[in-house]
Amino acid sequence: MSSPNSQHLNELFRNTFGTSPYSYFLQLRLQKSKELLARKGELTIKVISGMVGFTDPSHFVATFRRLEGLTPEQFKSMYRTAGRNDDEKP
């Protein structure tokens, strides 16, 4: 159970940022994962999930899919395909 002070802080956070602290933090983690997925290096989904704070890669994949509408692997493939097309332009 949350203490009154904790509830008040959550309310202040929500009023300021328009979302809960948990949702805000989750969005930051997913943004960082997208940056890592877009890199040219070959980091695995398992490694990236750990780097952004998920202990279970399958939970990371499910969360990413639920919030982004595609899997991390699909994002990685889509981003790299788009990057290749940009590189080919004069």
N, C-alpha and C. Protein backbone atom coordinates (compact mmCIF):
# COMPACT_ATOMS: atom_id res chain seq x y z
N MET A 1 0.84 -1.18 0.00
CA MET A 1 0.00 0.00 0.00
C MET A 1 0.88 1.24 0.00
N SER A 2 0.49 2.23 -0.77
CA SER A 2 1.26 3.47 -0.87
C SER A 2 0.99 4.36 0.33
N SER A 3 2.02 5.06 0.74
CA SER A 3 1.84 6.03 1.82
C SER A 3 1.20 7.29 1.24
N PRO A 4 0.59 8.11 2.08
CA PRO A 4 -0.01 9.35 1.58
C PRO A 4 1.00 10.22 0.83
N ASN A 5 2.23 10.25 1.31
CA ASN A 5 3.26 11.05 0.65
C ASN A 5 3.55 10.49 -0.74
N SER A 6 3.62 9.17 -0.86
CA SER A 6 3.86 8.52 -2.15
C SER A 6 2.71 8.81 -3.11
N GLN A 7 1.49 8.73 -2.63
CA GLN A 7 0.33 9.03 -3.46
C GLN A 7 0.36 10.48 -3.94
N HIS A 8 0.75 11.37 -3.06
CA HIS A 8 0.82 12.78 -3.42
C HIS A 8 1.89 13.00 -4.49
N LEU A 9 3.03 12.38 -4.35
CA LEU A 9 4.10 12.51 -5.34
C LEU A 9 3.66 11.96 -6.69
N ASN A 10 2.97 10.81 -6.67
CA ASN A 10 2.47 10.24 -7.92
C ASN A 10 1.48 11.19 -8.59
N GLU A 11 0.62 11.80 -7.79
CA GLU A 11 -0.37 12.75 -8.32
C GLU A 11 0.33 13.98 -8.92
N LEU A 12 1.33 14.49 -8.21
CA LEU A 12 2.08 15.64 -8.74
C LEU A 12 2.78 15.28 -10.05
N PHE A 13 3.37 14.09 -10.09
CA PHE A 13 4.05 13.64 -11.30
C PHE A 13 3.06 13.55 -12.45
N ARG A 14 1.94 12.90 -12.20
CA ARG A 14 0.91 12.72 -13.24
C ARG A 14 0.39 14.08 -13.73
N ASN A 15 0.18 15.01 -12.82
CA ASN A 15 -0.31 16.34 -13.20
C ASN A 15 0.73 17.10 -14.02
N THR A 16 1.99 16.88 -13.73
CA THR A 16 3.07 17.58 -14.43
C THR A 16 3.36 16.96 -15.80
N PHE A 17 3.46 15.63 -15.85
CA PHE A 17 3.89 14.95 -17.07
C PHE A 17 2.76 14.26 -17.84
N GLY A 18 1.58 14.20 -17.26
CA GLY A 18 0.45 13.60 -17.95
C GLY A 18 0.46 12.09 -17.99
N THR A 19 1.28 11.47 -17.18
CA THR A 19 1.38 10.01 -17.13
C THR A 19 1.93 9.60 -15.78
N SER A 20 1.82 8.32 -15.48
CA SER A 20 2.35 7.84 -14.20
C SER A 20 3.88 7.73 -14.26
N PRO A 21 4.54 7.75 -13.12
CA PRO A 21 5.99 7.57 -13.11
C PRO A 21 6.40 6.26 -13.80
N TYR A 22 5.64 5.18 -13.56
CA TYR A 22 5.97 3.90 -14.17
C TYR A 22 5.90 3.98 -15.70
N SER A 23 4.81 4.56 -16.22
CA SER A 23 4.66 4.68 -17.68
C SER A 23 5.74 5.57 -18.28
N TYR A 24 6.07 6.64 -17.60
CA TYR A 24 7.12 7.55 -18.07
C TYR A 24 8.45 6.82 -18.15
N PHE A 25 8.78 6.09 -17.09
CA PHE A 25 10.04 5.35 -17.05
C PHE A 25 10.06 4.26 -18.12
N LEU A 26 8.94 3.59 -18.32
CA LEU A 26 8.85 2.56 -19.34
C LEU A 26 9.08 3.15 -20.73
N GLN A 27 8.51 4.32 -20.99
CA GLN A 27 8.73 4.98 -22.28
C GLN A 27 10.20 5.34 -22.49
N LEU A 28 10.87 5.77 -21.42
CA LEU A 28 12.31 6.06 -21.52
C LEU A 28 13.09 4.79 -21.87
N ARG A 29 12.74 3.70 -21.23
CA ARG A 29 13.42 2.42 -21.50
C ARG A 29 13.20 1.98 -22.94
N LEU A 30 11.98 2.13 -23.43
CA LEU A 30 11.70 1.73 -24.81
C LEU A 30 12.39 2.66 -25.81
N GLN A 31 12.47 3.95 -25.50
CA GLN A 31 13.18 4.87 -26.38
C GLN A 31 14.66 4.47 -26.47
N LYS A 32 15.26 4.14 -25.35
CA LYS A 32 16.66 3.71 -25.36
C LYS A 32 16.81 2.41 -26.14
N SER A 33 15.87 1.49 -25.99
CA SER A 33 15.95 0.23 -26.73
C SER A 33 15.88 0.48 -28.23
N LYS A 34 15.06 1.44 -28.66
CA LYS A 34 14.97 1.75 -30.09
C LYS A 34 16.28 2.34 -30.60
N GLU A 35 16.93 3.15 -29.78
CA GLU A 35 18.24 3.69 -30.16
C GLU A 35 19.25 2.55 -30.33
N LEU A 36 19.22 1.60 -29.41
CA LEU A 36 20.14 0.46 -29.49
C LEU A 36 19.81 -0.45 -30.67
N LEU A 37 18.53 -0.65 -30.95
CA LEU A 37 18.12 -1.49 -32.07
C LEU A 37 18.53 -0.85 -33.40
N ALA A 38 18.57 0.47 -33.46
CA ALA A 38 18.89 1.18 -34.69
C ALA A 38 20.39 1.22 -34.98
N ARG A 39 21.21 0.93 -34.00
CA ARG A 39 22.66 0.93 -34.22
C ARG A 39 23.05 -0.13 -35.23
N LYS A 40 24.16 0.11 -35.89
CA LYS A 40 24.61 -0.85 -36.90
C LYS A 40 25.23 -2.10 -36.28
N GLY A 41 25.65 -2.03 -35.04
CA GLY A 41 26.22 -3.20 -34.36
C GLY A 41 25.19 -4.30 -34.22
N GLU A 42 25.63 -5.47 -33.96
CA GLU A 42 24.73 -6.62 -33.89
C GLU A 42 24.41 -7.01 -32.44
N LEU A 43 23.84 -6.11 -31.68
CA LEU A 43 23.40 -6.44 -30.33
C LEU A 43 22.16 -7.32 -30.43
N THR A 44 22.11 -8.36 -29.64
CA THR A 44 20.94 -9.23 -29.66
C THR A 44 19.80 -8.62 -28.85
N ILE A 45 18.60 -9.11 -29.10
CA ILE A 45 17.43 -8.65 -28.35
C ILE A 45 17.64 -8.94 -26.87
N LYS A 46 18.22 -10.08 -26.56
CA LYS A 46 18.48 -10.44 -25.16
C LYS A 46 19.40 -9.43 -24.49
N VAL A 47 20.46 -9.06 -25.17
CA VAL A 47 21.41 -8.09 -24.61
C VAL A 47 20.74 -6.73 -24.45
N ILE A 48 20.03 -6.29 -25.48
CA ILE A 48 19.36 -4.99 -25.42
C ILE A 48 18.32 -4.97 -24.29
N SER A 49 17.56 -6.05 -24.16
CA SER A 49 16.54 -6.08 -23.10
C SER A 49 17.19 -5.91 -21.73
N GLY A 50 18.32 -6.55 -21.51
CA GLY A 50 19.05 -6.40 -20.25
C GLY A 50 19.60 -4.99 -20.06
N MET A 51 20.08 -4.41 -21.15
CA MET A 51 20.66 -3.06 -21.07
C MET A 51 19.61 -2.01 -20.69
N VAL A 52 18.36 -2.24 -21.04
CA VAL A 52 17.31 -1.27 -20.71
C VAL A 52 16.49 -1.67 -19.49
N GLY A 53 16.95 -2.70 -18.77
CA GLY A 53 16.36 -3.00 -17.47
C GLY A 53 15.35 -4.12 -17.40
N PHE A 54 15.18 -4.89 -18.48
CA PHE A 54 14.28 -6.04 -18.43
C PHE A 54 15.08 -7.28 -18.08
N THR A 55 14.63 -8.03 -17.09
CA THR A 55 15.33 -9.26 -16.71
C THR A 55 14.90 -10.44 -17.57
N ASP A 56 13.75 -10.33 -18.21
CA ASP A 56 13.22 -11.39 -19.05
C ASP A 56 13.04 -10.86 -20.48
N PRO A 57 13.82 -11.36 -21.44
CA PRO A 57 13.70 -10.87 -22.81
C PRO A 57 12.29 -11.03 -23.40
N SER A 58 11.58 -12.10 -23.02
CA SER A 58 10.23 -12.29 -23.57
C SER A 58 9.28 -11.21 -23.04
N HIS A 59 9.48 -10.75 -21.81
CA HIS A 59 8.68 -9.65 -21.28
C HIS A 59 8.99 -8.35 -22.04
N PHE A 60 10.27 -8.15 -22.34
CA PHE A 60 10.68 -6.99 -23.14
C PHE A 60 9.99 -7.02 -24.51
N VAL A 61 10.04 -8.16 -25.19
CA VAL A 61 9.44 -8.29 -26.52
C VAL A 61 7.94 -8.02 -26.45
N ALA A 62 7.27 -8.61 -25.47
CA ALA A 62 5.82 -8.43 -25.33
C ALA A 62 5.47 -6.97 -25.03
N THR A 63 6.23 -6.32 -24.17
CA THR A 63 5.99 -4.91 -23.83
C THR A 63 6.24 -4.02 -25.04
N PHE A 64 7.34 -4.28 -25.74
CA PHE A 64 7.68 -3.50 -26.93
C PHE A 64 6.56 -3.64 -27.96
N ARG A 65 6.10 -4.86 -28.20
CA ARG A 65 5.04 -5.11 -29.18
C ARG A 65 3.74 -4.41 -28.78
N ARG A 66 3.40 -4.50 -27.50
CA ARG A 66 2.15 -3.89 -27.03
C ARG A 66 2.17 -2.37 -27.19
N LEU A 67 3.30 -1.74 -26.91
CA LEU A 67 3.36 -0.28 -26.93
C LEU A 67 3.80 0.31 -28.26
N GLU A 68 4.56 -0.44 -29.04
CA GLU A 68 5.07 0.09 -30.31
C GLU A 68 4.36 -0.48 -31.54
N GLY A 69 3.61 -1.58 -31.37
CA GLY A 69 2.86 -2.15 -32.48
C GLY A 69 3.63 -3.10 -33.37
N LEU A 70 4.88 -3.37 -33.02
CA LEU A 70 5.69 -4.35 -33.72
C LEU A 70 6.75 -4.88 -32.77
N THR A 71 7.36 -6.00 -33.13
CA THR A 71 8.37 -6.59 -32.25
C THR A 71 9.69 -5.83 -32.38
N PRO A 72 10.59 -5.98 -31.42
CA PRO A 72 11.91 -5.35 -31.54
C PRO A 72 12.64 -5.80 -32.82
N GLU A 73 12.51 -7.07 -33.17
CA GLU A 73 13.17 -7.59 -34.38
C GLU A 73 12.58 -6.93 -35.64
N GLN A 74 11.27 -6.74 -35.67
CA GLN A 74 10.64 -6.06 -36.80
C GLN A 74 11.10 -4.60 -36.88
N PHE A 75 11.19 -3.95 -35.73
CA PHE A 75 11.67 -2.56 -35.69
C PHE A 75 13.10 -2.50 -36.23
N LYS A 76 13.94 -3.40 -35.76
CA LYS A 76 15.34 -3.44 -36.17
C LYS A 76 15.44 -3.64 -37.69
N SER A 77 14.69 -4.57 -38.21
CA SER A 77 14.71 -4.85 -39.64
C SER A 77 14.18 -3.66 -40.44
N MET A 78 13.08 -3.08 -40.00
CA MET A 78 12.48 -1.93 -40.68
C MET A 78 13.45 -0.75 -40.69
N TYR A 79 14.06 -0.49 -39.56
CA TYR A 79 14.98 0.64 -39.45
C TYR A 79 16.19 0.45 -40.35
N ARG A 80 16.72 -0.74 -40.36
CA ARG A 80 17.91 -1.01 -41.17
C ARG A 80 17.59 -0.97 -42.66
N THR A 81 16.42 -1.44 -43.05
CA THR A 81 16.01 -1.39 -44.46
C THR A 81 15.87 0.07 -44.89
N ALA A 82 15.25 0.88 -44.05
CA ALA A 82 15.09 2.30 -44.35
C ALA A 82 16.45 2.99 -44.43
N GLY A 83 17.36 2.62 -43.55
CA GLY A 83 18.70 3.21 -43.54
C GLY A 83 19.48 2.87 -44.79
N ARG A 84 19.32 1.64 -45.28
CA ARG A 84 19.99 1.23 -46.51
C ARG A 84 19.46 2.02 -47.69
N ASN A 85 18.16 2.22 -47.74
CA ASN A 85 17.58 3.00 -48.83
C ASN A 85 18.06 4.45 -48.80
N ASP A 86 18.22 5.02 -47.61
CA ASP A 86 18.72 6.38 -47.49
C ASP A 86 20.16 6.48 -47.96
N ASP A 87 20.97 5.43 -47.67
CA ASP A 87 22.37 5.42 -48.07
C ASP A 87 22.52 5.36 -49.59
N GLU A 88 21.54 4.79 -50.28
CA GLU A 88 21.63 4.61 -51.73
C GLU A 88 21.26 5.87 -52.48
N LYS A 89 20.63 6.82 -51.83
CA LYS A 89 20.21 8.06 -52.50
C LYS A 89 21.43 8.93 -52.78
N PRO A 90 21.43 9.63 -53.93
CA PRO A 90 22.56 10.51 -54.27
C PRO A 90 22.68 11.71 -53.37
